[in-house]
PDB file of N, CA and C in Angstrom:
ATOM      1  N   UNK A   1      52.049  96.577  88.524  1.00  0.00           N
ATOM      2  CA  UNK A   1      53.162  95.765  88.053  1.00  0.00           C
ATOM      3  C   UNK A   1      54.448  96.595  88.014  1.00  0.00           C
ATOM      4  N   UNK A   2      54.368  97.775  87.439  1.00  0.00           N
ATOM      5  CA  UNK A   2      55.535  98.652  87.370  1.00  0.00           C
ATOM      6  C   UNK A   2      55.972  99.071  88.773  1.00  0.00           C
ATOM      7  N   UNK A   3      55.010  99.300  89.643  1.00  0.00           N
ATOM      8  CA  UNK A   3      55.318  99.671  91.023  1.00  0.00           C
ATOM      9  C   UNK A   3      56.050  98.522  91.731  1.00  0.00           C
ATOM     10  N   UNK A   4      55.664  97.300  91.520  1.00  0.00           N
ATOM     11  CA  UNK A   4      56.307  96.134  92.132  1.00  0.00           C
ATOM     12  C   UNK A   4      57.744  95.999  91.650  1.00  0.00           C
ATOM     13  N   UNK A   5      57.969  96.159  90.363  1.00  0.00           N
ATOM     14  CA  UNK A   5      59.319  96.072  89.803  1.00  0.00           C
ATOM     15  C   UNK A   5      60.194  97.180  90.370  1.00  0.00           C
ATOM     16  N   UNK A   6      59.630  98.376  90.473  1.00  0.00           N
ATOM     17  CA  UNK A   6      60.367  99.501  91.019  1.00  0.00           C
ATOM     18  C   UNK A   6      60.737  99.247  92.487  1.00  0.00           C
ATOM     19  N   UNK A   7      59.837  98.704  93.283  1.00  0.00           N
ATOM     20  CA  UNK A   7      60.107  98.438  94.700  1.00  0.00           C
ATOM     21  C   UNK A   7      61.157  97.334  94.869  1.00  0.00           C
ATOM     22  N   UNK A   8      61.107  96.299  94.025  1.00  0.00           N
ATOM     23  CA  UNK A   8      62.123  95.239  94.085  1.00  0.00           C
ATOM     24  C   UNK A   8      63.500  95.826  93.782  1.00  0.00           C
ATOM     25  N   UNK A   9      63.585  96.669  92.779  1.00  0.00           N
ATOM     26  CA  UNK A   9      64.848  97.330  92.438  1.00  0.00           C
ATOM     27  C   UNK A   9      65.339  98.229  93.558  1.00  0.00           C
ATOM     28  N   UNK A  10      64.408  98.960  94.172  1.00  0.00           N
ATOM     29  CA  UNK A  10      64.767  99.847  95.272  1.00  0.00           C
ATOM     30  C   UNK A  10      65.292  99.056  96.461  1.00  0.00           C
ATOM     31  N   UNK A  11      64.641  97.942  96.798  1.00  0.00           N
ATOM     32  CA  UNK A  11      65.116  97.103  97.891  1.00  0.00           C
ATOM     33  C   UNK A  11      66.473  96.467  97.559  1.00  0.00           C
ATOM     34  N   UNK A  12      66.676  96.081  96.319  1.00  0.00           N
ATOM     35  CA  UNK A  12      67.954  95.492  95.919  1.00  0.00           C
ATOM     36  C   UNK A  12      69.087  96.518  96.060  1.00  0.00           C
ATOM     37  N   UNK A  13      68.852  97.731  95.600  1.00  0.00           N
ATOM     38  CA  UNK A  13      69.875  98.773  95.713  1.00  0.00           C
ATOM     39  C   UNK A  13      70.127  99.111  97.184  1.00  0.00           C
ATOM     40  N   UNK A  14      69.069  99.193  97.979  1.00  0.00           N
ATOM     41  CA  UNK A  14      69.230  99.445  99.416  1.00  0.00           C
ATOM     42  C   UNK A  14      69.995  98.334 100.114  1.00  0.00           C
ATOM     43  N   UNK A  15      69.700  97.098  99.744  1.00  0.00           N
ATOM     44  CA  UNK A  15      70.417  95.970 100.327  1.00  0.00           C
ATOM     45  C   UNK A  15      71.890  95.969  99.966  1.00  0.00           C
ATOM     46  N   UNK A  16      72.201  96.282  98.715  1.00  0.00           N
ATOM     47  CA  UNK A  16      73.603  96.360  98.302  1.00  0.00           C
ATOM     48  C   UNK A  16      74.329  97.474  99.051  1.00  0.00           C
ATOM     49  N   UNK A  17      73.654  98.601  99.249  1.00  0.00           N
ATOM     50  CA  UNK A  17      74.240  99.710  99.991  1.00  0.00           C
ATOM     51  C   UNK A  17      74.526  99.293 101.437  1.00  0.00           C
ATOM     52  N   UNK A  18      73.576  98.614 102.075  1.00  0.00           N
ATOM     53  CA  UNK A  18      73.779  98.167 103.450  1.00  0.00           C
ATOM     54  C   UNK A  18      74.887  97.114 103.548  1.00  0.00           C
ATOM     55  N   UNK A  19      74.972  96.228 102.567  1.00  0.00           N
ATOM     56  CA  UNK A  19      76.049  95.236 102.561  1.00  0.00           C
ATOM     57  C   UNK A  19      77.409  95.902 102.425  1.00  0.00           C
ATOM     58  N   UNK A  20      77.477  96.928 101.583  1.00  0.00           N
ATOM     59  CA  UNK A  20      78.744  97.646 101.405  1.00  0.00           C
ATOM     60  C   UNK A  20      79.166  98.306 102.715  1.00  0.00           C
ATOM     61  N   UNK A  21      78.218  98.910 103.411  1.00  0.00           N
ATOM     62  CA  UNK A  21      78.538  99.537 104.700  1.00  0.00           C
ATOM     63  C   UNK A  21      78.955  98.481 105.717  1.00  0.00           C
ATOM     64  N   UNK A  22      78.206  97.382 105.793  1.00  0.00           N
ATOM     65  CA  UNK A  22      78.503  96.339 106.782  1.00  0.00           C
ATOM     66  C   UNK A  22      79.877  95.728 106.542  1.00  0.00           C
ATOM     67  N   UNK A  23      80.194  95.382 105.305  1.00  0.00           N
ATOM     68  CA  UNK A  23      81.495  94.781 105.029  1.00  0.00           C
ATOM     69  C   UNK A  23      82.623  95.791 105.132  1.00  0.00           C
ATOM     70  N   UNK A  24      82.331  97.054 104.901  1.00  0.00           N
ATOM     71  CA  UNK A  24      83.338  98.095 105.105  1.00  0.00           C
ATOM     72  C   UNK A  24      83.713  98.202 106.568  1.00  0.00           C
ATOM     73  N   UNK A  25      82.727  98.183 107.456  1.00  0.00           N
ATOM     74  CA  UNK A  25      83.005  98.224 108.886  1.00  0.00           C
ATOM     75  C   UNK A  25      83.683  96.945 109.343  1.00  0.00           C
ATOM     76  N   UNK A  26      83.269  95.806 108.782  1.00  0.00           N
ATOM     77  CA  UNK A  26      83.893  94.534 109.132  1.00  0.00           C
ATOM     78  C   UNK A  26      85.359  94.531 108.713  1.00  0.00           C
ATOM     79  N   UNK A  27      85.642  95.067 107.547  1.00  0.00           N
ATOM     80  CA  UNK A  27      87.023  95.149 107.078  1.00  0.00           C
ATOM     81  C   UNK A  27      87.873  96.023 107.978  1.00  0.00           C
ATOM     82  N   UNK A  28      87.318  97.148 108.431  1.00  0.00           N
ATOM     83  CA  UNK A  28      88.036  98.032 109.346  1.00  0.00           C
ATOM     84  C   UNK A  28      88.316  97.321 110.666  1.00  0.00           C
ATOM     85  N   UNK A  29      87.315  96.620 111.205  1.00  0.00           N
ATOM     86  CA  UNK A  29      87.487  95.902 112.467  1.00  0.00           C
ATOM     87  C   UNK A  29      88.519  94.783 112.321  1.00  0.00           C
ATOM     88  N   UNK A  30      88.489  94.091 111.194  1.00  0.00           N
ATOM     89  CA  UNK A  30      89.450  93.025 110.958  1.00  0.00           C
ATOM     90  C   UNK A  30      90.862  93.589 110.835  1.00  0.00           C
ATOM     91  N   UNK A  31      91.007  94.720 110.169  1.00  0.00           N
ATOM     92  CA  UNK A  31      92.314  95.369 110.052  1.00  0.00           C
ATOM     93  C   UNK A  31      92.838  95.826 111.404  1.00  0.00           C
ATOM     94  N   UNK A  32      91.964  96.398 112.219  1.00  0.00           N
ATOM     95  CA  UNK A  32      92.354  96.839 113.556  1.00  0.00           C
ATOM     96  C   UNK A  32      92.767  95.642 114.407  1.00  0.00           C
ATOM     97  N   UNK A  33      92.031  94.542 114.316  1.00  0.00           N
ATOM     98  CA  UNK A  33      92.389  93.331 115.044  1.00  0.00           C
ATOM     99  C   UNK A  33      93.762  92.819 114.616  1.00  0.00           C
ATOM    100  N   UNK A  34      94.038  92.858 113.324  1.00  0.00           N
ATOM    101  CA  UNK A  34      95.334  92.402 112.826  1.00  0.00           C
ATOM    102  C   UNK A  34      96.477  93.250 113.356  1.00  0.00           C
ATOM    103  N   UNK A  35      96.289  94.555 113.385  1.00  0.00           N
ATOM    104  CA  UNK A  35      97.328  95.455 113.897  1.00  0.00           C
ATOM    105  C   UNK A  35      97.566  95.187 115.377  1.00  0.00           C
ATOM    106  N   UNK A  36      96.493  95.040 116.150  1.00  0.00           N
ATOM    107  CA  UNK A  36      96.646  94.778 117.583  1.00  0.00           C
ATOM    108  C   UNK A  36      97.279  93.412 117.845  1.00  0.00           C
ATOM    109  N   UNK A  37      96.939  92.424 117.022  1.00  0.00           N
ATOM    110  CA  UNK A  37      97.539  91.100 117.169  1.00  0.00           C
ATOM    111  C   UNK A  37      99.039  91.158 116.877  1.00  0.00           C
ATOM    112  N   UNK A  38      99.428  91.876 115.835  1.00  0.00           N
ATOM    113  CA  UNK A  38     100.849  92.009 115.506  1.00  0.00           C
ATOM    114  C   UNK A  38     101.598  92.713 116.640  1.00  0.00           C
ATOM    115  N   UNK A  39     100.992  93.742 117.204  1.00  0.00           N
ATOM    116  CA  UNK A  39     101.618  94.453 118.322  1.00  0.00           C
ATOM    117  C   UNK A  39     101.767  93.536 119.536  1.00  0.00           C
ATOM    118  N   UNK A  40     100.745  92.742 119.825  1.00  0.00           N
ATOM    119  CA  UNK A  40     100.803  91.827 120.965  1.00  0.00           C
ATOM    120  C   UNK A  40     101.892  90.777 120.767  1.00  0.00           C
ATOM    121  N   UNK A  41     102.039  90.276 119.556  1.00  0.00           N
ATOM    122  CA  UNK A  41     103.085  89.279 119.280  1.00  0.00           C
ATOM    123  C   UNK A  41     104.465  89.886 119.482  1.00  0.00           C
ATOM    124  N   UNK A  42     104.656  91.119 119.035  1.00  0.00           N
ATOM    125  CA  UNK A  42     105.947  91.795 119.223  1.00  0.00           C
ATOM    126  C   UNK A  42     106.251  91.992 120.695  1.00  0.00           C
ATOM    127  N   UNK A  43     105.250  92.391 121.478  1.00  0.00           N
ATOM    128  CA  UNK A  43     105.448  92.595 122.917  1.00  0.00           C
ATOM    129  C   UNK A  43     105.816  91.283 123.596  1.00  0.00           C
ATOM    130  N   UNK A  44     105.154  90.201 123.230  1.00  0.00           N
ATOM    131  CA  UNK A  44     105.453  88.896 123.828  1.00  0.00           C
ATOM    132  C   UNK A  44     106.872  88.447 123.474  1.00  0.00           C
ATOM    133  N   UNK A  45     107.278  88.638 122.243  1.00  0.00           N
ATOM    134  CA  UNK A  45     108.630  88.233 121.830  1.00  0.00           C
ATOM    135  C   UNK A  45     109.686  89.048 122.569  1.00  0.00           C
ATOM    136  N   UNK A  46     109.512  90.365 122.629  1.00  0.00           N
ATOM    137  CA  UNK A  46     110.493  91.218 123.305  1.00  0.00           C
ATOM    138  C   UNK A  46     110.526  90.908 124.805  1.00  0.00           C
ATOM    139  N   UNK A  47     109.355  90.737 125.423  1.00  0.00           N
ATOM    140  CA  UNK A  47     109.313  90.388 126.841  1.00  0.00           C
ATOM    141  C   UNK A  47     109.966  89.047 127.119  1.00  0.00           C
ATOM    142  N   UNK A  48     109.734  88.082 126.242  1.00  0.00           N
ATOM    143  CA  UNK A  48     110.364  86.772 126.407  1.00  0.00           C
ATOM    144  C   UNK A  48     111.874  86.838 126.287  1.00  0.00           C
ATOM    145  N   UNK A  49     112.364  87.644 125.346  1.00  0.00           N
ATOM    146  CA  UNK A  49     113.817  87.795 125.204  1.00  0.00           C
ATOM    147  C   UNK A  49     114.429  88.473 126.425  1.00  0.00           C
ATOM    148  N   UNK A  50     113.747  89.498 126.949  1.00  0.00           N
ATOM    149  CA  UNK A  50     114.253  90.171 128.150  1.00  0.00           C
ATOM    150  C   UNK A  50     114.274  89.202 129.322  1.00  0.00           C
ATOM    151  N   UNK A  51     113.214  88.408 129.480  1.00  0.00           N
ATOM    152  CA  UNK A  51     113.170  87.438 130.568  1.00  0.00           C
ATOM    153  C   UNK A  51     114.271  86.385 130.400  1.00  0.00           C
ATOM    154  N   UNK A  52     114.520  85.957 129.174  1.00  0.00           N
ATOM    155  CA  UNK A  52     115.579  84.975 128.930  1.00  0.00           C
ATOM    156  C   UNK A  52     116.941  85.528 129.323  1.00  0.00           C
ATOM    157  N   UNK A  53     117.201  86.772 128.977  1.00  0.00           N
ATOM    158  CA  UNK A  53     118.472  87.396 129.343  1.00  0.00           C
ATOM    159  C   UNK A  53     118.582  87.508 130.860  1.00  0.00           C
ATOM    160  N   UNK A  54     117.502  87.924 131.522  1.00  0.00           N
ATOM    161  CA  UNK A  54     117.521  88.018 132.989  1.00  0.00           C
ATOM    162  C   UNK A  54     117.731  86.634 133.601  1.00  0.00           C
ATOM    163  N   UNK A  55     117.096  85.626 133.029  1.00  0.00           N
ATOM    164  CA  UNK A  55     117.220  84.266 133.572  1.00  0.00           C
ATOM    165  C   UNK A  55     118.642  83.731 133.421  1.00  0.00           C
ATOM    166  N   UNK A  56     119.319  84.094 132.344  1.00  0.00           N
ATOM    167  CA  UNK A  56     120.694  83.625 132.131  1.00  0.00           C
ATOM    168  C   UNK A  56     121.663  84.357 133.051  1.00  0.00           C
ATOM    169  N   UNK A  57     121.553  85.686 133.132  1.00  0.00           N
ATOM    170  CA  UNK A  57     122.533  86.474 133.862  1.00  0.00           C
ATOM    171  C   UNK A  57     122.201  86.667 135.341  1.00  0.00           C
ATOM    172  N   UNK A  58     120.935  86.526 135.723  1.00  0.00           N
ATOM    173  CA  UNK A  58     120.556  86.719 137.125  1.00  0.00           C
ATOM    174  C   UNK A  58     119.386  85.795 137.471  1.00  0.00           C
ATOM    175  N   UNK A  59     119.687  84.530 137.748  1.00  0.00           N
ATOM    176  CA  UNK A  59     118.611  83.572 138.043  1.00  0.00           C
ATOM    177  C   UNK A  59     117.776  83.943 139.265  1.00  0.00           C
ATOM    178  N   UNK A  60     118.396  84.583 140.257  1.00  0.00           N
ATOM    179  CA  UNK A  60     117.649  84.976 141.452  1.00  0.00           C
ATOM    180  C   UNK A  60     116.587  86.031 141.116  1.00  0.00           C
ATOM    181  N   UNK A  61     116.956  86.982 140.297  1.00  0.00           N
ATOM    182  CA  UNK A  61     115.985  88.003 139.861  1.00  0.00           C
ATOM    183  C   UNK A  61     114.865  87.362 139.061  1.00  0.00           C
ATOM    184  N   UNK A  62     115.201  86.410 138.200  1.00  0.00           N
ATOM    185  CA  UNK A  62     114.177  85.716 137.415  1.00  0.00           C
ATOM    186  C   UNK A  62     113.244  84.939 138.329  1.00  0.00           C
ATOM    187  N   UNK A  63     113.780  84.332 139.381  1.00  0.00           N
ATOM    188  CA  UNK A  63     112.949  83.588 140.326  1.00  0.00           C
ATOM    189  C   UNK A  63     111.999  84.538 141.064  1.00  0.00           C
ATOM    190  N   UNK A  64     112.501  85.703 141.460  1.00  0.00           N
ATOM    191  CA  UNK A  64     111.640  86.680 142.131  1.00  0.00           C
ATOM    192  C   UNK A  64     110.547  87.196 141.200  1.00  0.00           C
ATOM    193  N   UNK A  65     110.884  87.432 139.933  1.00  0.00           N
ATOM    194  CA  UNK A  65     109.875  87.859 138.960  1.00  0.00           C
ATOM    195  C   UNK A  65     108.812  86.786 138.770  1.00  0.00           C
ATOM    196  N   UNK A  66     109.247  85.538 138.675  1.00  0.00           N
ATOM    197  CA  UNK A  66     108.312  84.432 138.489  1.00  0.00           C
ATOM    198  C   UNK A  66     107.391  84.302 139.698  1.00  0.00           C
ATOM    199  N   UNK A  67     107.946  84.469 140.906  1.00  0.00           N
ATOM    200  CA  UNK A  67     107.123  84.401 142.111  1.00  0.00           C
ATOM    201  C   UNK A  67     106.132  85.560 142.170  1.00  0.00           C
ATOM    202  N   UNK A  68     106.583  86.728 141.750  1.00  0.00           N
ATOM    203  CA  UNK A  68     105.728  87.901 141.814  1.00  0.00           C
ATOM    204  C   UNK A  68     104.542  87.774 140.839  1.00  0.00           C
ATOM    205  N   UNK A  69     104.782  87.289 139.631  1.00  0.00           N
ATOM    206  CA  UNK A  69     103.732  87.275 138.613  1.00  0.00           C
ATOM    207  C   UNK A  69     102.915  85.998 138.591  1.00  0.00           C
ATOM    208  N   UNK A  70     103.516  84.863 138.929  1.00  0.00           N
ATOM    209  CA  UNK A  70     102.742  83.617 138.870  1.00  0.00           C
ATOM    210  C   UNK A  70     102.386  83.090 140.252  1.00  0.00           C
ATOM    211  N   UNK A  71     103.086  83.527 141.273  1.00  0.00           N
ATOM    212  CA  UNK A  71     102.761  83.106 142.622  1.00  0.00           C
ATOM    213  C   UNK A  71     103.345  81.775 143.014  1.00  0.00           C
ATOM    214  N   UNK A  72     104.164  81.175 142.133  1.00  0.00           N
ATOM    215  CA  UNK A  72     104.762  79.883 142.483  1.00  0.00           C
ATOM    216  C   UNK A  72     106.208  79.869 142.037  1.00  0.00           C
ATOM    217  N   UNK A  73     106.984  79.048 142.701  1.00  0.00           N
ATOM    218  CA  UNK A  73     108.399  78.901 142.369  1.00  0.00           C
ATOM    219  C   UNK A  73     108.627  77.490 141.843  1.00  0.00           C
ATOM    220  N   UNK A  74     109.399  77.358 140.791  1.00  0.00           N
ATOM    221  CA  UNK A  74     109.646  76.043 140.195  1.00  0.00           C
ATOM    222  C   UNK A  74     110.904  75.442 140.756  1.00  0.00           C
TER     223      UNK A  74
END
């Protein structure tokens, strides 16, 4: 009986330890994903602004860029 209680306690402590490790790694991965997502959003915004400026001041260059990257002209 005492051995059974001791083993249940040991498994409970081991399970809590494994959960702490698993959620710690999950938290790190989620944080890394958030940082990369923020960086990607900044790159898209800056690239869009640069393309907008090129499109306003040099439509021919914008058309060539669009043809080069998308393969079609509008």
